[in-house]
Protein backbone atom coordinates (compact mmCIF):
# COMPACT_ATOMS: atom_id res chain seq x y z
CA MET A 1 132.51 134.34 85.38
CA ARG A 2 129.83 134.78 85.79
CA ARG A 3 130.10 133.51 89.60
CA PRO A 4 133.11 135.58 90.80
CA VAL A 5 131.12 138.60 89.92
CA ALA A 6 127.89 137.11 91.92
CA LEU A 7 129.84 135.94 95.03
CA ALA A 8 132.19 139.79 95.39
CA LEU A 9 128.73 141.31 95.21
CA VAL A 10 127.36 139.17 98.01
CA ALA A 11 130.27 139.89 100.10
CA LEU A 12 130.20 143.28 99.06
CA VAL A 13 126.29 143.37 101.09
CA ALA A 14 127.13 140.75 103.18
CA GLY A 15 130.26 142.39 104.61
CA PRO A 16 128.56 145.46 106.34
CA GLY A 17 126.07 143.09 107.64
CA CYS A 18 127.73 141.01 109.23
CA ALA A 19 129.71 144.18 111.03
CA ALA A 20 126.67 145.20 111.91
CA VAL A 21 125.31 142.09 113.98
CA GLU A 22 128.96 141.55 115.90
CA ALA A 23 128.62 145.57 117.31
CA ASN A 24 125.14 144.26 118.16
CA ARG A 25 126.62 142.09 120.86
CA GLU A 26 128.92 144.69 122.42
CA ALA A 27 128.12 146.00 125.56
CA TRP A 28 129.49 149.20 125.74
CA CYS A 29 128.65 151.31 128.32
CA ARG A 30 126.45 153.61 125.98
CA PRO A 31 122.17 153.82 125.04
CA GLU A 32 122.89 151.20 122.34
CA ALA A 33 120.72 148.42 121.40
CA PRO A 34 122.74 145.64 123.04
CA THR A 35 123.35 147.31 126.23
CA VAL A 36 118.86 148.58 126.37
CA LEU A 37 118.53 144.40 125.24
CA LEU A 38 120.41 144.36 128.42
CA ALA A 39 118.25 145.98 130.33
CA GLN A 40 114.40 144.76 128.56
CA ALA A 41 115.82 141.33 129.98
CA VAL A 42 115.59 141.87 133.46
CA PRO A 43 113.29 145.23 133.35
CA SER A 44 113.56 145.50 137.97
CA ALA A 45 117.12 145.84 137.60
CA ASP A 46 118.22 149.33 138.08
CA LEU A 47 121.96 149.27 136.66
CA VAL A 48 122.79 146.83 133.78
CA PRO A 49 126.75 145.09 133.24
CA CYS A 50 128.56 146.51 130.57
CA VAL A 51 132.14 147.27 129.05
CA ARG A 52 133.00 150.55 129.83
CA ASP A 53 136.90 150.02 128.08
CA LEU A 54 137.71 147.00 126.38
CA PRO A 55 141.40 145.83 127.69
CA ALA A 56 143.74 145.04 124.98
CA GLY A 57 144.20 141.67 123.90
CA TRP A 58 140.22 140.74 125.04
CA THR A 59 137.19 140.80 122.53
CA PHE A 60 133.49 140.45 123.09
CA ASP A 61 132.92 137.19 122.87
CA GLY A 62 129.10 136.19 123.16
CA PHE A 63 125.74 137.98 123.35
CA THR A 64 122.35 136.65 124.75
CA ALA A 65 118.82 138.33 126.20
CA GLU A 66 116.18 136.33 126.88
CA ASP A 67 112.97 137.40 129.56
CA GLY A 68 114.27 137.06 132.81
CA ALA A 69 118.29 137.30 132.23
CA SER A 70 120.39 138.92 130.10
CA SER A 71 124.89 137.56 129.50
CA PHE A 72 128.16 138.51 127.40
CA ALA A 73 131.20 137.25 127.55
CA LEU A 74 134.92 138.37 126.48
CA ALA A 75 137.77 136.12 125.82
CA SER A 76 141.31 136.94 125.91
CA VAL A 77 143.10 136.52 122.46
CA ALA A 78 146.58 136.58 123.56
CA GLU A 79 146.24 133.70 126.69
CA GLU A 80 144.63 130.63 126.52
CA GLY A 81 141.95 129.96 129.19
CA GLY A 82 141.23 134.00 129.35
CA ARG A 83 137.46 134.47 130.07
CA VAL A 84 134.72 136.07 131.77
CA GLU A 85 131.29 135.88 131.80
CA VAL A 86 128.76 138.43 132.61
CA ARG A 87 124.88 137.78 134.03
CA LEU A 88 122.46 140.13 134.81
CA THR A 89 119.47 138.42 136.31
CA PRO A 90 116.80 139.68 138.66
CA THR A 91 118.03 138.20 142.04
CA CYS A 92 121.40 137.21 143.55
CA PRO A 93 122.46 133.68 144.83
CA ALA A 94 122.85 133.97 148.49
CA ALA A 95 126.70 135.65 149.63
CA SER A 96 129.83 133.54 150.18
CA GLY A 97 132.89 135.89 148.96
CA GLU A 98 134.01 139.32 150.36
CA VAL A 99 132.10 141.88 150.30
CA VAL A 100 133.91 144.89 148.84
CA ALA A 101 132.78 148.56 148.01
CA GLY A 102 131.19 148.52 144.81
CA ASP A 103 130.24 150.64 141.19
CA ARG A 104 127.80 153.34 141.47
CA GLY A 105 126.43 151.75 144.27
CA ALA A 106 126.40 148.11 144.22
CA THR A 107 127.57 146.01 146.66
CA LEU A 108 130.56 144.20 145.17
CA GLU A 109 131.54 140.76 146.66
CA ARG A 110 134.52 138.75 145.38
CA ASP A 111 134.54 134.70 145.71
CA VAL A 112 137.61 133.66 144.56
CA THR A 113 138.02 130.00 144.02
CA ALA A 114 141.70 129.43 142.60
CA ARG A 115 144.55 131.69 142.83
CA ARG A 116 146.73 129.83 140.02
CA PRO A 117 145.26 129.90 138.07
CA TYR A 118 142.28 132.65 139.18
CA ARG A 119 139.31 131.29 138.89
CA ALA A 120 136.58 133.87 140.47
CA THR A 121 133.22 134.75 140.69
CA TRP A 122 132.28 138.51 141.40
CA THR A 123 128.82 139.67 142.60
CA SER A 124 126.94 143.05 142.09
CA ARG A 125 124.20 143.48 144.03
CA PHE A 126 121.55 146.36 143.81
CA ASP A 127 118.10 147.03 143.64
CA GLY A 128 116.13 144.71 141.41
CA GLY A 129 118.82 142.85 139.93
CA CYS A 130 122.29 141.01 140.58
CA VAL A 131 125.53 140.65 138.26
CA VAL A 132 127.77 137.28 138.46
CA ALA A 133 130.60 137.91 136.68
CA THR A 134 132.54 134.22 136.41
CA VAL A 135 136.35 135.54 135.81
CA ALA A 136 138.99 132.46 134.42
CA LEU A 137 142.44 134.24 133.65
CA GLY A 138 145.08 131.48 132.90
CA ASP A 139 148.29 133.11 132.67
CA ALA A 140 149.54 132.96 136.59
CA THR A 141 152.47 135.49 135.31
CA ARG A 142 150.22 138.55 134.77
CA THR A 143 147.07 137.86 136.84
CA ALA A 144 147.11 140.69 139.03
CA ARG A 145 147.43 142.69 136.20
CA GLN A 146 144.19 141.48 134.27
CA ILE A 147 142.53 141.54 137.53
CA GLU A 148 143.05 145.37 137.36
CA GLU A 149 142.10 145.95 134.08
CA LEU A 150 138.68 143.87 133.85
CA GLU A 151 137.91 145.66 136.94
CA ARG A 152 137.97 148.83 135.71
CA ALA A 153 136.70 147.35 131.90
CA LEU A 154 133.38 146.11 133.47
CA GLY A 155 130.95 148.72 134.65
CA LEU A 156 126.74 149.22 135.36
CA LEU A 157 125.32 151.32 133.70
CA PRO A 158 122.06 153.06 135.72
CA ARG A 159 119.13 152.42 133.64
CA ALA A 160 118.09 155.64 133.83
CA LEU A 161 120.09 156.80 131.68
CA LEU A 162 119.77 154.72 128.94
CA GLU A 163 115.45 155.26 129.43
CA ALA A 164 116.57 158.86 129.72
CA ALA A 165 118.26 157.91 126.32
CA ALA A 166 115.26 156.69 124.57
CA SER A 167 112.91 159.72 125.27
């Protein structure tokens, strides 16, 4: 009889802790722990990748921050194969795609390698850093709408905002 009570107590105590761990993997466009960790990993970067608003049917699916690089991923729960991996590094690979206007003074380059299913690399270049988003979408019937939703969802947060919030 004591064992179920002990297991229930462990679940109660661990439950909120597990939720906090999951929340610390979510790089929202706010001066919170995950976004700060992304910035700390690449101290030269003027901008930090983040998520403004998660599109319906998508979830956070991974987070890493280490010296010299940091990343997070999004996965589609509604569509098999839908995934976006976003990586921040101090430098960018050589240009190879179409250059379009970017967010917050960054230059955005799109290199589409396949249309159906959609596969692309979106590279944002800015002072002190580079964000490469590898995009894979599986449902060809909704591709244009999904691309628009992901473009609106992914953002760049100025390091200055993170530093101001920390002081």
